N, C-alpha and C. Protein backbone atom coordinates (compact mmCIF):
# COMPACT_ATOMS: atom_id res chain seq x y z
N UNK A 1 40.35 -18.03 68.89
CA UNK A 1 39.98 -17.00 67.94
C UNK A 1 39.16 -17.58 66.79
N UNK A 2 39.59 -18.74 66.29
CA UNK A 2 38.90 -19.35 65.17
C UNK A 2 37.46 -19.72 65.56
N UNK A 3 37.27 -20.18 66.79
CA UNK A 3 35.94 -20.56 67.23
C UNK A 3 34.99 -19.35 67.25
N UNK A 4 35.47 -18.20 67.65
CA UNK A 4 34.65 -16.99 67.65
C UNK A 4 34.28 -16.60 66.22
N UNK A 5 35.24 -16.74 65.31
CA UNK A 5 34.98 -16.42 63.91
C UNK A 5 33.96 -17.39 63.32
N UNK A 6 34.08 -18.68 63.66
CA UNK A 6 33.11 -19.66 63.18
C UNK A 6 31.72 -19.37 63.72
N UNK A 7 31.63 -18.96 64.98
CA UNK A 7 30.33 -18.60 65.57
C UNK A 7 29.74 -17.39 64.87
N UNK A 8 30.58 -16.41 64.56
CA UNK A 8 30.11 -15.21 63.85
C UNK A 8 29.60 -15.59 62.46
N UNK A 9 30.37 -16.41 61.74
CA UNK A 9 29.95 -16.84 60.40
C UNK A 9 28.64 -17.62 60.46
N UNK A 10 28.51 -18.48 61.47
CA UNK A 10 27.28 -19.26 61.62
C UNK A 10 26.09 -18.33 61.86
N UNK A 11 26.25 -17.36 62.76
CA UNK A 11 25.17 -16.43 63.08
C UNK A 11 24.79 -15.58 61.87
N UNK A 12 25.78 -15.15 61.09
CA UNK A 12 25.51 -14.37 59.88
C UNK A 12 24.76 -15.21 58.86
N UNK A 13 25.19 -16.48 58.68
CA UNK A 13 24.50 -17.35 57.72
C UNK A 13 23.06 -17.62 58.15
N UNK A 14 22.83 -17.73 59.45
CA UNK A 14 21.47 -17.92 59.97
C UNK A 14 20.62 -16.67 59.72
N UNK A 15 21.17 -15.50 60.06
CA UNK A 15 20.41 -14.25 59.94
C UNK A 15 20.08 -13.92 58.49
N UNK A 16 21.05 -14.16 57.59
CA UNK A 16 20.84 -13.82 56.18
C UNK A 16 20.35 -14.99 55.34
N UNK A 17 20.13 -16.13 56.02
CA UNK A 17 19.66 -17.35 55.36
C UNK A 17 20.56 -17.75 54.19
N UNK A 18 21.88 -17.72 54.44
CA UNK A 18 22.87 -18.12 53.45
C UNK A 18 23.22 -19.59 53.66
N UNK A 19 23.65 -20.30 52.62
CA UNK A 19 24.03 -21.71 52.77
C UNK A 19 25.23 -21.87 53.70
N UNK A 20 25.09 -22.70 54.72
CA UNK A 20 26.15 -22.88 55.71
C UNK A 20 27.38 -23.55 55.12
N UNK A 21 27.19 -24.44 54.15
CA UNK A 21 28.35 -25.12 53.57
C UNK A 21 29.30 -24.14 52.90
N UNK A 22 28.78 -23.10 52.30
CA UNK A 22 29.62 -22.11 51.63
C UNK A 22 30.20 -21.11 52.63
N UNK A 23 29.38 -20.59 53.52
CA UNK A 23 29.83 -19.59 54.48
C UNK A 23 30.85 -20.17 55.45
N UNK A 24 30.63 -21.41 55.91
CA UNK A 24 31.51 -22.03 56.90
C UNK A 24 32.59 -22.91 56.28
N UNK A 25 32.69 -22.94 54.94
CA UNK A 25 33.68 -23.75 54.23
C UNK A 25 33.56 -25.23 54.59
N UNK A 26 32.33 -25.74 54.61
CA UNK A 26 32.09 -27.14 54.94
C UNK A 26 31.79 -27.93 53.67
N UNK A 27 32.17 -29.21 53.66
CA UNK A 27 31.84 -30.04 52.50
C UNK A 27 30.35 -30.38 52.49
N UNK A 28 29.81 -30.53 51.30
CA UNK A 28 28.42 -30.95 51.13
C UNK A 28 28.46 -32.32 50.46
N UNK A 29 27.85 -33.32 51.10
CA UNK A 29 27.92 -34.70 50.62
C UNK A 29 26.51 -35.17 50.27
N UNK A 30 26.36 -35.69 49.05
CA UNK A 30 25.08 -36.24 48.61
C UNK A 30 25.33 -37.68 48.16
N UNK A 31 24.64 -38.62 48.81
CA UNK A 31 24.75 -40.03 48.47
C UNK A 31 23.47 -40.45 47.77
N UNK A 32 23.61 -41.02 46.58
CA UNK A 32 22.46 -41.50 45.81
C UNK A 32 22.50 -43.02 45.86
N UNK A 33 21.64 -43.58 46.72
CA UNK A 33 21.65 -45.03 46.92
C UNK A 33 23.03 -45.46 47.36
N UNK A 34 23.52 -46.53 46.74
CA UNK A 34 24.91 -46.93 47.00
C UNK A 34 25.71 -46.91 45.70
N UNK A 35 25.23 -46.10 44.72
CA UNK A 35 25.87 -46.10 43.41
C UNK A 35 26.57 -44.79 43.05
N UNK A 36 26.28 -43.70 43.76
CA UNK A 36 26.91 -42.42 43.41
C UNK A 36 27.06 -41.55 44.65
N UNK A 37 28.20 -40.86 44.73
CA UNK A 37 28.48 -39.95 45.83
C UNK A 37 29.00 -38.64 45.26
N UNK A 38 28.38 -37.52 45.64
CA UNK A 38 28.81 -36.19 45.22
C UNK A 38 29.39 -35.48 46.44
N UNK A 39 30.59 -34.95 46.31
CA UNK A 39 31.22 -34.18 47.39
C UNK A 39 31.56 -32.80 46.83
N UNK A 40 30.91 -31.78 47.36
CA UNK A 40 31.18 -30.39 46.98
C UNK A 40 32.07 -29.75 48.03
N UNK A 41 32.83 -28.76 47.62
CA UNK A 41 33.70 -28.00 48.52
C UNK A 41 34.79 -28.89 49.11
N UNK A 42 35.45 -29.67 48.26
CA UNK A 42 36.52 -30.56 48.70
C UNK A 42 37.87 -29.85 48.60
N UNK A 43 38.91 -30.51 49.08
CA UNK A 43 40.26 -29.94 49.06
C UNK A 43 41.24 -30.81 48.27
N UNK A 44 40.74 -31.78 47.52
CA UNK A 44 41.60 -32.59 46.67
C UNK A 44 41.53 -34.08 46.96
N UNK A 45 42.15 -34.84 46.06
CA UNK A 45 42.16 -36.30 46.16
C UNK A 45 43.44 -36.73 46.85
N UNK A 46 43.32 -37.62 47.84
CA UNK A 46 44.47 -38.13 48.57
C UNK A 46 44.87 -39.51 48.04
N UNK A 47 43.89 -40.36 47.76
CA UNK A 47 44.15 -41.72 47.27
C UNK A 47 43.05 -42.11 46.30
N UNK A 48 43.43 -42.87 45.27
CA UNK A 48 42.44 -43.31 44.30
C UNK A 48 42.79 -44.70 43.78
N UNK A 49 41.99 -45.71 44.17
CA UNK A 49 42.08 -47.05 43.63
C UNK A 49 40.65 -47.50 43.31
N UNK A 50 40.50 -48.68 42.74
CA UNK A 50 39.16 -49.17 42.43
C UNK A 50 38.38 -49.55 43.68
N UNK A 51 39.08 -49.76 44.80
CA UNK A 51 38.42 -50.17 46.04
C UNK A 51 38.34 -49.07 47.09
N UNK A 52 39.22 -48.07 47.00
CA UNK A 52 39.27 -47.01 48.01
C UNK A 52 39.56 -45.66 47.36
N UNK A 53 38.78 -44.66 47.76
CA UNK A 53 39.05 -43.29 47.36
C UNK A 53 39.04 -42.44 48.62
N UNK A 54 40.08 -41.63 48.81
CA UNK A 54 40.13 -40.72 49.94
C UNK A 54 40.17 -39.29 49.41
N UNK A 55 39.25 -38.46 49.95
CA UNK A 55 39.10 -37.07 49.53
C UNK A 55 39.33 -36.16 50.74
N UNK A 56 40.20 -35.17 50.58
CA UNK A 56 40.49 -34.22 51.65
C UNK A 56 39.39 -33.15 51.70
N UNK A 57 39.07 -32.69 52.91
CA UNK A 57 38.08 -31.61 53.10
C UNK A 57 38.49 -30.79 54.31
N UNK A 58 37.74 -29.74 54.55
CA UNK A 58 38.06 -28.85 55.68
C UNK A 58 37.78 -29.50 57.03
N UNK A 59 36.98 -30.58 57.07
CA UNK A 59 36.67 -31.24 58.34
C UNK A 59 37.43 -32.54 58.52
N UNK A 60 38.17 -32.96 57.52
CA UNK A 60 38.91 -34.22 57.60
C UNK A 60 38.95 -34.91 56.25
N UNK A 61 39.28 -36.20 56.28
CA UNK A 61 39.39 -36.97 55.04
C UNK A 61 38.21 -37.93 54.93
N UNK A 62 37.53 -37.88 53.79
CA UNK A 62 36.47 -38.83 53.50
C UNK A 62 37.10 -40.07 52.89
N UNK A 63 36.86 -41.23 53.49
CA UNK A 63 37.37 -42.49 52.96
C UNK A 63 36.18 -43.28 52.44
N UNK A 64 36.13 -43.47 51.13
CA UNK A 64 35.03 -44.17 50.48
C UNK A 64 35.56 -45.53 50.04
N UNK A 65 34.88 -46.60 50.45
CA UNK A 65 35.29 -47.94 50.09
C UNK A 65 34.16 -48.64 49.35
N UNK A 66 34.53 -49.50 48.40
CA UNK A 66 33.55 -50.23 47.64
C UNK A 66 34.20 -51.03 46.53
N UNK A 67 33.44 -51.31 45.49
CA UNK A 67 33.92 -52.07 44.36
C UNK A 67 33.70 -51.27 43.09
N UNK A 68 34.64 -51.37 42.18
CA UNK A 68 34.56 -50.69 40.87
C UNK A 68 34.33 -49.19 41.02
N UNK A 69 34.99 -48.57 41.99
CA UNK A 69 34.84 -47.13 42.20
C UNK A 69 35.59 -46.37 41.10
N UNK A 70 34.98 -45.32 40.61
CA UNK A 70 35.64 -44.47 39.63
C UNK A 70 35.21 -43.03 39.81
N UNK A 71 36.12 -42.13 39.45
CA UNK A 71 35.83 -40.70 39.51
C UNK A 71 35.15 -40.31 38.20
N UNK A 72 33.88 -39.97 38.27
CA UNK A 72 33.13 -39.57 37.08
C UNK A 72 33.40 -38.12 36.71
N UNK A 73 33.46 -37.26 37.72
CA UNK A 73 33.68 -35.83 37.50
C UNK A 73 34.64 -35.30 38.55
N UNK A 74 35.62 -34.53 38.10
CA UNK A 74 36.53 -33.86 39.02
C UNK A 74 36.57 -32.40 38.63
N UNK A 75 35.99 -31.56 39.46
CA UNK A 75 36.02 -30.12 39.27
C UNK A 75 36.64 -29.48 40.51
N UNK A 76 36.98 -28.23 40.42
CA UNK A 76 37.57 -27.53 41.57
C UNK A 76 36.62 -27.52 42.76
N UNK A 77 35.31 -27.52 42.49
CA UNK A 77 34.34 -27.43 43.59
C UNK A 77 33.58 -28.71 43.85
N UNK A 78 33.69 -29.73 42.96
CA UNK A 78 32.88 -30.93 43.14
C UNK A 78 33.58 -32.16 42.57
N UNK A 79 33.39 -33.28 43.27
CA UNK A 79 33.85 -34.59 42.81
C UNK A 79 32.64 -35.53 42.82
N UNK A 80 32.47 -36.30 41.74
CA UNK A 80 31.41 -37.29 41.67
C UNK A 80 32.06 -38.67 41.54
N UNK A 81 31.70 -39.56 42.47
CA UNK A 81 32.23 -40.92 42.50
C UNK A 81 31.09 -41.88 42.18
N UNK A 82 31.36 -42.83 41.29
CA UNK A 82 30.36 -43.85 40.93
C UNK A 82 30.94 -45.23 41.19
N UNK A 83 30.06 -46.19 41.39
CA UNK A 83 30.46 -47.57 41.64
C UNK A 83 29.59 -48.17 42.72
N UNK A 84 30.00 -49.30 43.24
CA UNK A 84 29.27 -49.95 44.33
C UNK A 84 29.87 -49.47 45.66
N UNK A 85 29.26 -48.46 46.25
CA UNK A 85 29.77 -47.85 47.49
C UNK A 85 29.30 -48.67 48.68
N UNK A 86 30.28 -49.16 49.46
CA UNK A 86 29.96 -50.02 50.61
C UNK A 86 30.15 -49.32 51.95
N UNK A 87 31.06 -48.34 52.01
CA UNK A 87 31.37 -47.70 53.28
C UNK A 87 31.88 -46.28 53.05
N UNK A 88 31.43 -45.35 53.89
CA UNK A 88 31.94 -43.98 53.88
C UNK A 88 32.36 -43.65 55.31
N UNK A 89 33.58 -43.16 55.46
CA UNK A 89 34.12 -42.86 56.77
C UNK A 89 34.76 -41.47 56.73
N UNK A 90 34.60 -40.71 57.82
CA UNK A 90 35.26 -39.41 57.92
C UNK A 90 36.37 -39.54 58.96
N UNK A 91 37.60 -39.30 58.54
CA UNK A 91 38.75 -39.37 59.42
C UNK A 91 39.12 -37.95 59.80
N UNK A 92 38.91 -37.61 61.07
CA UNK A 92 39.14 -36.24 61.53
C UNK A 92 40.53 -36.12 62.14
């Protein structure tokens, strides 16, 4: 049932030219070099250390690894991470 609903939402977003990340409840990830990562449409923070940050989303958990990582902005709809980002992994 969920797959049919996702297909319907996808088709509606295509027909009406709506952003898929919002219509399909998907995270939007923007990486700026290796110094900043923006994640929109997240579901919360799972782990936070200077070397590892894990963020929950509708598709799984984003695991960000690096050095001197810090949360610059935490909003209900967006998280901004700064530092020396070395690895990004999605755990489904």
